[in-house]
C-alpha atoms as a PDB file:
ATOM      1  CA  PHE A   1     -12.015   3.092  -8.607  1.00  0.00           C
ATOM      2  CA  PHE A   2     -14.616   0.395  -8.999  1.00  0.00           C
ATOM      3  CA  ASP A   3     -18.067   1.400 -10.143  1.00  0.00           C
ATOM      4  CA  ALA A   4     -20.774   1.511  -7.485  1.00  0.00           C
ATOM      5  CA  GLY A   5     -22.320  -1.901  -8.004  1.00  0.00           C
ATOM      6  CA  VAL A   6     -21.747  -5.622  -8.415  1.00  0.00           C
ATOM      7  CA  LEU A   7     -21.858  -8.151 -11.209  1.00  0.00           C
ATOM      8  CA  ALA A   8     -23.961 -11.076 -10.014  1.00  0.00           C
ATOM      9  CA  ARG A   9     -23.765 -14.579 -11.488  1.00  0.00           C
ATOM     10  CA  THR A  10     -27.343 -15.818 -11.149  1.00  0.00           C
ATOM     11  CA  ASP A  11     -29.045 -18.986 -12.373  1.00  0.00           C
ATOM     12  CA  ALA A  12     -30.263 -16.900 -15.328  1.00  0.00           C
ATOM     13  CA  GLY A  13     -26.785 -15.563 -16.203  1.00  0.00           C
ATOM     14  CA  LEU A  14     -24.748 -12.450 -15.417  1.00  0.00           C
ATOM     15  CA  ARG A  15     -26.774  -9.574 -14.006  1.00  0.00           C
ATOM     16  CA  VAL A  16     -25.760  -6.018 -13.043  1.00  0.00           C
ATOM     17  CA  LEU A  17     -26.865  -4.431  -9.785  1.00  0.00           C
ATOM     18  CA  ALA A  18     -25.593  -0.846  -9.572  1.00  0.00           C
ATOM     19  CA  ASP A  19     -26.391   2.489  -7.954  1.00  0.00           C
ATOM     20  CA  PRO A  20     -28.095   4.510 -10.728  1.00  0.00           C
ATOM     21  CA  ARG A  21     -27.240   7.799  -9.018  1.00  0.00           C
ATOM     22  CA  ARG A  22     -23.498   7.324  -9.474  1.00  0.00           C
ATOM     23  CA  THR A  23     -23.398   4.916 -12.408  1.00  0.00           C
ATOM     24  CA  PRO A  24     -26.308   6.038 -14.602  1.00  0.00           C
ATOM     25  CA  ARG A  25     -24.952   4.141 -17.599  1.00  0.00           C
ATOM     26  CA  LEU A  26     -25.698   0.902 -15.719  1.00  0.00           C
ATOM     27  CA  GLY A  27     -29.185   1.988 -14.694  1.00  0.00           C
ATOM     28  CA  VAL A  28     -31.016   0.203 -17.505  1.00  0.00           C
ATOM     29  CA  ASP A  29     -29.084  -3.022 -16.917  1.00  0.00           C
ATOM     30  CA  THR A  30     -29.956  -2.798 -13.217  1.00  0.00           C
ATOM     31  CA  LEU A  31     -33.667  -2.321 -13.911  1.00  0.00           C
ATOM     32  CA  ARG A  32     -33.605  -5.297 -16.273  1.00  0.00           C
ATOM     33  CA  SER A  33     -31.683  -7.512 -13.864  1.00  0.00           C
ATOM     34  CA  GLY A  34     -34.772  -8.937 -12.169  1.00  0.00           C
ATOM     35  CA  LEU A  35     -33.048  -8.499  -8.792  1.00  0.00           C
ATOM     36  CA  LEU A  36     -34.997  -5.469  -7.585  1.00  0.00           C
ATOM     37  CA  ASP A  37     -38.006  -6.852  -5.770  1.00  0.00           C
ATOM     38  CA  VAL A  38     -40.003  -3.948  -4.312  1.00  0.00           C
ATOM     39  CA  GLY A  39     -40.289  -5.600  -0.901  1.00  0.00           C
ATOM     40  CA  ASP A  40     -36.553  -6.281  -0.730  1.00  0.00           C
ATOM     41  CA  VAL A  41     -35.666  -2.713  -1.740  1.00  0.00           C
ATOM     42  CA  TRP A  42     -38.110  -1.248   0.791  1.00  0.00           C
ATOM     43  CA  GLY A  43     -36.863  -3.478   3.602  1.00  0.00           C
ATOM     44  CA  LEU A  44     -33.218  -2.774   2.832  1.00  0.00           C
ATOM     45  CA  GLY A  45     -33.923   0.955   2.739  1.00  0.00           C
ATOM     46  CA  ARG A  46     -35.637   0.887   6.146  1.00  0.00           C
ATOM     47  CA  TRP A  47     -32.718  -1.021   7.650  1.00  0.00           C
ATOM     48  CA  LEU A  48     -29.897   0.967   6.027  1.00  0.00           C
ATOM     49  CA  GLY A  49     -31.554   4.398   6.112  1.00  0.00           C
ATOM     50  CA  PRO A  50     -30.837   5.312   9.769  1.00  0.00           C
ATOM     51  CA  SER A  51     -27.103   4.735   9.323  1.00  0.00           C
ATOM     52  CA  LEU A  52     -27.079   7.088   6.332  1.00  0.00           C
ATOM     53  CA  ALA A  53     -28.848   9.897   8.171  1.00  0.00           C
ATOM     54  CA  ARG A  54     -27.523   9.489  11.731  1.00  0.00           C
ATOM     55  CA  PRO A  55     -24.668   6.956  11.780  1.00  0.00           C
ATOM     56  CA  GLN A  56     -23.587   7.516  15.391  1.00  0.00           C
ATOM     57  CA  ALA A  57     -27.109   7.227  16.765  1.00  0.00           C
ATOM     58  CA  ALA A  58     -27.794   4.148  14.633  1.00  0.00           C
ATOM     59  CA  ALA A  59     -24.595   2.461  15.816  1.00  0.00           C
ATOM     60  CA  ALA A  60     -25.493   3.075  19.452  1.00  0.00           C
ATOM     61  CA  GLY A  61     -28.698   1.056  19.271  1.00  0.00           C
ATOM     62  CA  PRO A  62     -29.169  -2.607  20.158  1.00  0.00           C
ATOM     63  CA  ASP A  63     -27.228  -5.029  17.977  1.00  0.00           C
ATOM     64  CA  THR A  64     -27.968  -8.425  16.492  1.00  0.00           C
ATOM     65  CA  THR A  65     -26.539 -10.547  13.685  1.00  0.00           C
ATOM     66  CA  LEU A  66     -26.770  -9.523  10.057  1.00  0.00           C
ATOM     67  CA  ALA A  67     -28.940 -12.522   9.196  1.00  0.00           C
ATOM     68  CA  VAL A  68     -31.457 -11.748  11.945  1.00  0.00           C
ATOM     69  CA  ALA A  69     -31.603  -8.056  11.008  1.00  0.00           C
ATOM     70  CA  LEU A  70     -32.284  -8.724   7.320  1.00  0.00           C
ATOM     71  CA  ASP A  71     -34.857 -11.377   8.183  1.00  0.00           C
ATOM     72  CA  ALA A  72     -36.631  -8.908  10.471  1.00  0.00           C
ATOM     73  CA  HIS A  73     -36.849  -6.379   7.628  1.00  0.00           C
ATOM     74  CA  ARG A  74     -38.040  -9.096   5.217  1.00  0.00           C
ATOM     75  CA  VAL A  75     -35.121  -8.797   2.834  1.00  0.00           C
ATOM     76  CA  ASP A  76     -35.306 -12.384   1.624  1.00  0.00           C
ATOM     77  CA  GLY A  77     -35.376 -12.453  -2.195  1.00  0.00           C
ATOM     78  CA  ASP A  78     -32.764 -12.351  -4.948  1.00  0.00           C
ATOM     79  CA  LEU A  79     -31.434  -9.022  -3.688  1.00  0.00           C
ATOM     80  CA  ARG A  80     -30.753 -10.643  -0.315  1.00  0.00           C
ATOM     81  CA  ARG A  81     -28.752 -13.401  -1.975  1.00  0.00           C
ATOM     82  CA  VAL A  82     -26.576 -10.915  -3.855  1.00  0.00           C
ATOM     83  CA  LEU A  83     -26.117  -8.831  -0.704  1.00  0.00           C
ATOM     84  CA  ASP A  84     -25.205 -11.877   1.384  1.00  0.00           C
ATOM     85  CA  ARG A  85     -22.584 -13.005  -1.119  1.00  0.00           C
ATOM     86  CA  PHE A  86     -21.082  -9.550  -1.463  1.00  0.00           C
ATOM     87  CA  ILE A  87     -20.845  -8.986   2.285  1.00  0.00           C
ATOM     88  CA  ALA A  88     -19.454 -12.496   2.785  1.00  0.00           C
ATOM     89  CA  GLY A  89     -16.423 -11.609   0.705  1.00  0.00           C
ATOM     90  CA  VAL A  90     -15.914  -8.287   2.484  1.00  0.00           C
ATOM     91  CA  VAL A  91     -16.109  -9.427   6.117  1.00  0.00           C
ATOM     92  CA  VAL A  92     -15.296 -13.121   5.503  1.00  0.00           C
ATOM     93  CA  ASP A  93     -18.555 -14.223   7.087  1.00  0.00           C
ATOM     94  CA  PRO A  94     -20.146 -17.311   5.522  1.00  0.00           C
ATOM     95  CA  ASP A  95     -23.406 -17.391   7.485  1.00  0.00           C
ATOM     96  CA  GLY A  96     -24.534 -13.875   8.406  1.00  0.00           C
ATOM     97  CA  SER A  97     -23.300 -14.041  11.995  1.00  0.00           C
ATOM     98  CA  THR A  98     -21.430 -10.725  11.750  1.00  0.00           C
ATOM     99  CA  SER A  99     -22.664  -7.741  13.777  1.00  0.00           C
ATOM    100  CA  ALA A 100     -25.567  -6.060  11.998  1.00  0.00           C
ATOM    101  CA  GLN A 101     -24.500  -2.644  13.298  1.00  0.00           C
ATOM    102  CA  PHE A 102     -20.959  -3.057  11.986  1.00  0.00           C
ATOM    103  CA  THR A 103     -22.203  -4.270   8.605  1.00  0.00           C
ATOM    104  CA  ARG A 104     -24.669  -1.401   8.342  1.00  0.00           C
ATOM    105  CA  LEU A 105     -21.900   1.145   8.881  1.00  0.00           C
ATOM    106  CA  LEU A 106     -19.763  -0.722   6.354  1.00  0.00           C
ATOM    107  CA  LEU A 107     -22.559  -0.595   3.772  1.00  0.00           C
ATOM    108  CA  ARG A 108     -22.935   3.105   4.525  1.00  0.00           C
ATOM    109  CA  SER A 109     -19.376   3.635   3.302  1.00  0.00           C
ATOM    110  CA  PHE A 110     -20.151   1.710   0.114  1.00  0.00           C
ATOM    111  CA  ALA A 111     -23.358   3.715  -0.382  1.00  0.00           C
ATOM    112  CA  LEU A 112     -21.554   7.050  -0.031  1.00  0.00           C
ATOM    113  CA  GLY A 113     -18.247   6.164  -1.668  1.00  0.00           C
ATOM    114  CA  ARG A 114     -16.602   3.718  -4.035  1.00  0.00           C
ATOM    115  CA  PRO A 115     -14.002   1.034  -3.324  1.00  0.00           C
ATOM    116  CA  GLY A 116     -10.668   1.661  -4.955  1.00  0.00           C
ATOM    117  CA  LEU A 117      -7.105   0.446  -5.233  1.00  0.00           C
ATOM    118  CA  PRO A 118      -4.158   2.768  -4.546  1.00  0.00           C
ATOM    119  CA  GLU A 119      -1.627   3.043  -7.347  1.00  0.00           C
ATOM    120  CA  GLY A 120       1.537   1.325  -6.215  1.00  0.00           C
ATOM    121  CA  GLY A 121      -0.206  -1.159  -3.916  1.00  0.00           C
ATOM    122  CA  MET A 122      -1.605  -1.153  -0.396  1.00  0.00           C
ATOM    123  CA  ARG A 123       1.739  -0.016   1.001  1.00  0.00           C
ATOM    124  CA  ARG A 124       0.810   3.495  -0.177  1.00  0.00           C
ATOM    125  CA  LEU A 125      -1.728   3.762   2.652  1.00  0.00           C
ATOM    126  CA  PRO A 126       0.738   3.478   5.556  1.00  0.00           C
ATOM    127  CA  GLU A 127       3.210   5.587   3.590  1.00  0.00           C
ATOM    128  CA  GLN A 128       0.637   8.390   3.386  1.00  0.00           C
ATOM    129  CA  LEU A 129      -0.049   8.106   7.109  1.00  0.00           C
ATOM    130  CA  ALA A 130       3.648   8.206   7.918  1.00  0.00           C
ATOM    131  CA  ALA A 131       4.262  11.214   5.659  1.00  0.00           C
ATOM    132  CA  GLY A 132       2.353  13.481   8.057  1.00  0.00           C
ATOM    133  CA  LEU A 133       4.221  12.373  11.174  1.00  0.00           C
ATOM    134  CA  ALA A 134       7.355  13.983  12.564  1.00  0.00           C
ATOM    135  CA  ASP A 135       9.157  10.916  13.919  1.00  0.00           C
ATOM    136  CA  VAL A 136       8.614   7.518  12.316  1.00  0.00           C
ATOM    137  CA  ARG A 137      10.628   4.463  13.317  1.00  0.00           C
ATOM    138  CA  THR A 138      10.197   1.160  11.538  1.00  0.00           C
ATOM    139  CA  ALA A 139      11.418  -2.375  12.260  1.00  0.00           C
ATOM    140  CA  VAL A 140      11.347  -1.717  16.020  1.00  0.00           C
ATOM    141  CA  PRO A 141       9.832  -4.653  17.956  1.00  0.00           C
ATOM    142  CA  VAL A 142       7.361  -3.667  20.680  1.00  0.00           C
ATOM    143  CA  GLU A 143       7.698  -5.830  23.768  1.00  0.00           C
ATOM    144  CA  ALA A 144       4.912  -4.289  25.868  1.00  0.00           C
ATOM    145  CA  VAL A 145       2.438  -1.425  25.977  1.00  0.00           C
ATOM    146  CA  ARG A 146       2.078   0.744  29.059  1.00  0.00           C
ATOM    147  CA  SER A 147      -1.189   2.607  29.684  1.00  0.00           C
ATOM    148  CA  LYS A 148      -1.888   5.773  31.644  1.00  0.00           C
ATOM    149  CA  VAL A 149      -3.406   3.616  34.375  1.00  0.00           C
ATOM    150  CA  THR A 150       0.113   2.494  35.285  1.00  0.00           C
ATOM    151  CA  GLY A 151       1.670   5.923  34.717  1.00  0.00           C
ATOM    152  CA  MET A 152       2.863   7.525  31.485  1.00  0.00           C
ATOM    153  CA  ALA A 153       1.612   5.803  28.352  1.00  0.00           C
ATOM    154  CA  GLY A 154       4.193   4.320  26.033  1.00  0.00           C
ATOM    155  CA  VAL A 155       5.826   1.174  24.716  1.00  0.00           C
ATOM    156  CA  ASP A 156       8.797  -0.928  25.713  1.00  0.00           C
ATOM    157  CA  THR A 157      11.305  -1.784  22.998  1.00  0.00           C
ATOM    158  CA  PRO A 158      14.691  -3.558  23.017  1.00  0.00           C
ATOM    159  CA  GLY A 159      16.309  -0.119  22.830  1.00  0.00           C
ATOM    160  CA  GLY A 160      14.434   1.227  25.823  1.00  0.00           C
ATOM    161  CA  PRO A 161      10.997   2.686  26.623  1.00  0.00           C
ATOM    162  CA  LEU A 162       9.228   5.249  24.460  1.00  0.00           C
ATOM    163  CA  THR A 163       6.663   7.535  26.089  1.00  0.00           C
ATOM    164  CA  ALA A 164       3.619   9.128  24.492  1.00  0.00           C
ATOM    165  CA  ARG A 165       0.299  10.788  25.344  1.00  0.00           C
ATOM    166  CA  GLN A 166      -1.606   7.943  23.684  1.00  0.00           C
ATOM    167  CA  VAL A 167      -0.779   4.516  22.254  1.00  0.00           C
ATOM    168  CA  VAL A 168      -2.694   3.095  19.307  1.00  0.00           C
ATOM    169  CA  VAL A 169      -2.421  -0.675  18.937  1.00  0.00           C
ATOM    170  CA  ALA A 170      -2.978  -1.295  15.218  1.00  0.00           C
ATOM    171  CA  THR A 171      -2.073  -4.929  14.789  1.00  0.00           C
ATOM    172  CA  GLY A 172      -3.587  -8.297  14.026  1.00  0.00           C
ATOM    173  CA  PRO A 173      -5.721  -9.998  16.684  1.00  0.00           C
ATOM    174  CA  THR A 174      -2.918 -12.160  18.098  1.00  0.00           C
ATOM    175  CA  GLU A 175      -0.570  -9.248  18.775  1.00  0.00           C
ATOM    176  CA  ALA A 176      -3.417  -7.039  19.966  1.00  0.00           C
ATOM    177  CA  SER A 177      -4.336  -9.662  22.538  1.00  0.00           C
ATOM    178  CA  ARG A 178      -0.744  -9.846  23.778  1.00  0.00           C
ATOM    179  CA  LEU A 179      -0.044  -6.107  23.824  1.00  0.00           C
ATOM    180  CA  ALA A 180      -3.391  -4.685  24.920  1.00  0.00           C
ATOM    181  CA  GLY A 181      -4.669  -7.565  27.030  1.00  0.00           C
ATOM    182  CA  VAL A 182      -7.930  -7.835  25.084  1.00  0.00           C
ATOM    183  CA  PRO A 183      -9.603 -11.168  24.290  1.00  0.00           C
ATOM    184  CA  ARG A 184      -8.407 -12.722  21.080  1.00  0.00           C
ATOM    185  CA  VAL A 185     -11.035 -12.541  18.346  1.00  0.00           C
ATOM    186  CA  ALA A 186     -11.662 -15.608  16.202  1.00  0.00           C
ATOM    187  CA  MET A 187     -10.810 -14.951  12.564  1.00  0.00           C
ATOM    188  CA  ASN A 188     -11.826 -16.469   9.240  1.00  0.00           C
ATOM    189  CA  GLY A 189      -9.591 -16.444   6.193  1.00  0.00           C
ATOM    190  CA  LEU A 190      -9.698 -16.331   2.423  1.00  0.00           C
ATOM    191  CA  THR A 191      -7.090 -17.020  -0.241  1.00  0.00           C
ATOM    192  CA  THR A 192      -6.605 -14.575  -3.106  1.00  0.00           C
ATOM    193  CA  TRP A 193      -5.670 -16.074  -6.460  1.00  0.00           C
ATOM    194  CA  TRP A 194      -4.226 -13.944  -9.260  1.00  0.00           C
ATOM    195  CA  PHE A 195      -4.569 -14.932 -12.912  1.00  0.00           C
ATOM    196  CA  ALA A 196      -3.191 -13.633 -16.183  1.00  0.00           C
ATOM    197  CA  VAL A 197      -5.374 -13.927 -19.292  1.00  0.00           C
ATOM    198  CA  ASP A 198      -5.120 -12.574 -22.831  1.00  0.00           C
ATOM    199  CA  ASP A 199      -8.414 -10.681 -22.664  1.00  0.00           C
ATOM    200  CA  ALA A 200     -10.550  -9.402 -19.811  1.00  0.00           C
ATOM    201  CA  PRO A 201     -13.498 -11.773 -19.210  1.00  0.00           C
ATOM    202  CA  ASP A 202     -15.739  -8.742 -18.607  1.00  0.00           C
ATOM    203  CA  PRO A 203     -15.022  -5.068 -19.378  1.00  0.00           C
ATOM    204  CA  ARG A 204     -17.065  -3.598 -16.513  1.00  0.00           C
ATOM    205  CA  ARG A 205     -15.382  -2.140 -13.425  1.00  0.00           C
ATOM    206  CA  LEU A 206     -17.399  -4.287 -11.036  1.00  0.00           C
ATOM    207  CA  VAL A 207     -16.733  -6.944  -8.414  1.00  0.00           C
ATOM    208  CA  ALA A 208     -18.421 -10.203  -9.417  1.00  0.00           C
ATOM    209  CA  VAL A 209     -20.174 -12.455  -6.897  1.00  0.00           C
ATOM    210  CA  ASP A 210     -21.733 -15.900  -7.204  1.00  0.00           C
ATOM    211  CA  ALA A 211     -25.441 -15.426  -6.447  1.00  0.00           C
ATOM    212  CA  ARG A 212     -26.597 -18.844  -7.629  1.00  0.00           C
ATOM    213  CA  GLY A 213     -28.511 -21.290  -5.448  1.00  0.00           C
ATOM    214  CA  ASN A 214     -28.859 -21.113  -1.694  1.00  0.00           C
ATOM    215  CA  GLN A 215     -25.555 -22.589  -0.584  1.00  0.00           C
ATOM    216  CA  ALA A 216     -23.798 -21.149   2.422  1.00  0.00           C
ATOM    217  CA  PRO A 217     -21.028 -20.294   2.380  1.00  0.00           C
ATOM    218  CA  PRO A 218     -20.799 -19.140  -1.228  1.00  0.00           C
ATOM    219  CA  GLY A 219     -18.033 -20.781  -3.062  1.00  0.00           C
ATOM    220  CA  PRO A 220     -15.600 -22.028  -3.839  1.00  0.00           C
ATOM    221  CA  VAL A 221     -15.052 -18.574  -5.391  1.00  0.00           C
ATOM    222  CA  TRP A 222     -16.571 -15.851  -3.203  1.00  0.00           C
ATOM    223  CA  ASN A 223     -15.839 -12.926  -5.497  1.00  0.00           C
ATOM    224  CA  ALA A 224     -13.734 -11.988  -8.489  1.00  0.00           C
ATOM    225  CA  ALA A 225     -12.608  -8.829 -10.268  1.00  0.00           C
ATOM    226  CA  VAL A 226     -10.610  -7.778 -13.300  1.00  0.00           C
ATOM    227  CA  VAL A 227      -8.211  -5.762 -11.192  1.00  0.00           C
ATOM    228  CA  SER A 228      -6.201  -4.365 -14.098  1.00  0.00           C
ATOM    229  CA  THR A 229      -9.370  -2.728 -15.474  1.00  0.00           C
ATOM    230  CA  VAL A 230      -9.606  -0.689 -12.272  1.00  0.00           C
ATOM    231  CA  ALA A 231      -5.872  -0.260 -11.581  1.00  0.00           C
ATOM    232  CA  PRO A 232      -3.761  -0.890 -14.702  1.00  0.00           C
ATOM    233  CA  SER A 233      -0.522  -0.583 -12.702  1.00  0.00           C
ATOM    234  CA  TYR A 234      -1.346  -3.857 -10.908  1.00  0.00           C
ATOM    235  CA  ALA A 235      -0.610  -5.926 -14.003  1.00  0.00           C
ATOM    236  CA  PRO A 236       1.935  -5.980 -16.838  1.00  0.00           C
ATOM    237  CA  VAL A 237       0.873  -4.316 -20.074  1.00  0.00           C
END
């Protein structure tokens, strides 16, 4: 697992911003970072607080963009810059146009948990899901999805139809548009680069973000991490 925090590259150098409740050893570094403006912390707490206490009720309220929501709560200092750059790399949003409600629920998961990497790679996640199912078929193309509106739910495959009580379309936006008839959602993209070095550039288990200046989007590197520090199996010895 990563530690609950980020490593921010600021104009003054590398600074740590971490949750002192879960990473107390980084508490002093966080207090000395110069990133904790009282107004920013108060505004962020007022905005994020409802989703921590009552997530469903908070998500049901009126929505706006992330940028507008943070502006309204006067989160506009160094903490805002670090937050913007971190979120940009998570949701691939260079300008704060992502749904504020969605981002608030996403930050709730970061506030209550820690990001991690499964040993053996991301394929372990679908393997764990499949392990609890009775009948799993792979490499079967789905030609169409039938809903209960037209009769029994199910899917059409080259080998014939398969019926089910419910159908979950868990695909990318292009296939979801074709199979479920929903509007195609515009997507942004990032490229992940992997490097091998003799020594770790930083020993801390933190994602690093570029919090310098006021450029939008951040870049060219949006975030970085010493992955083998968190998951040694992802790299050779």
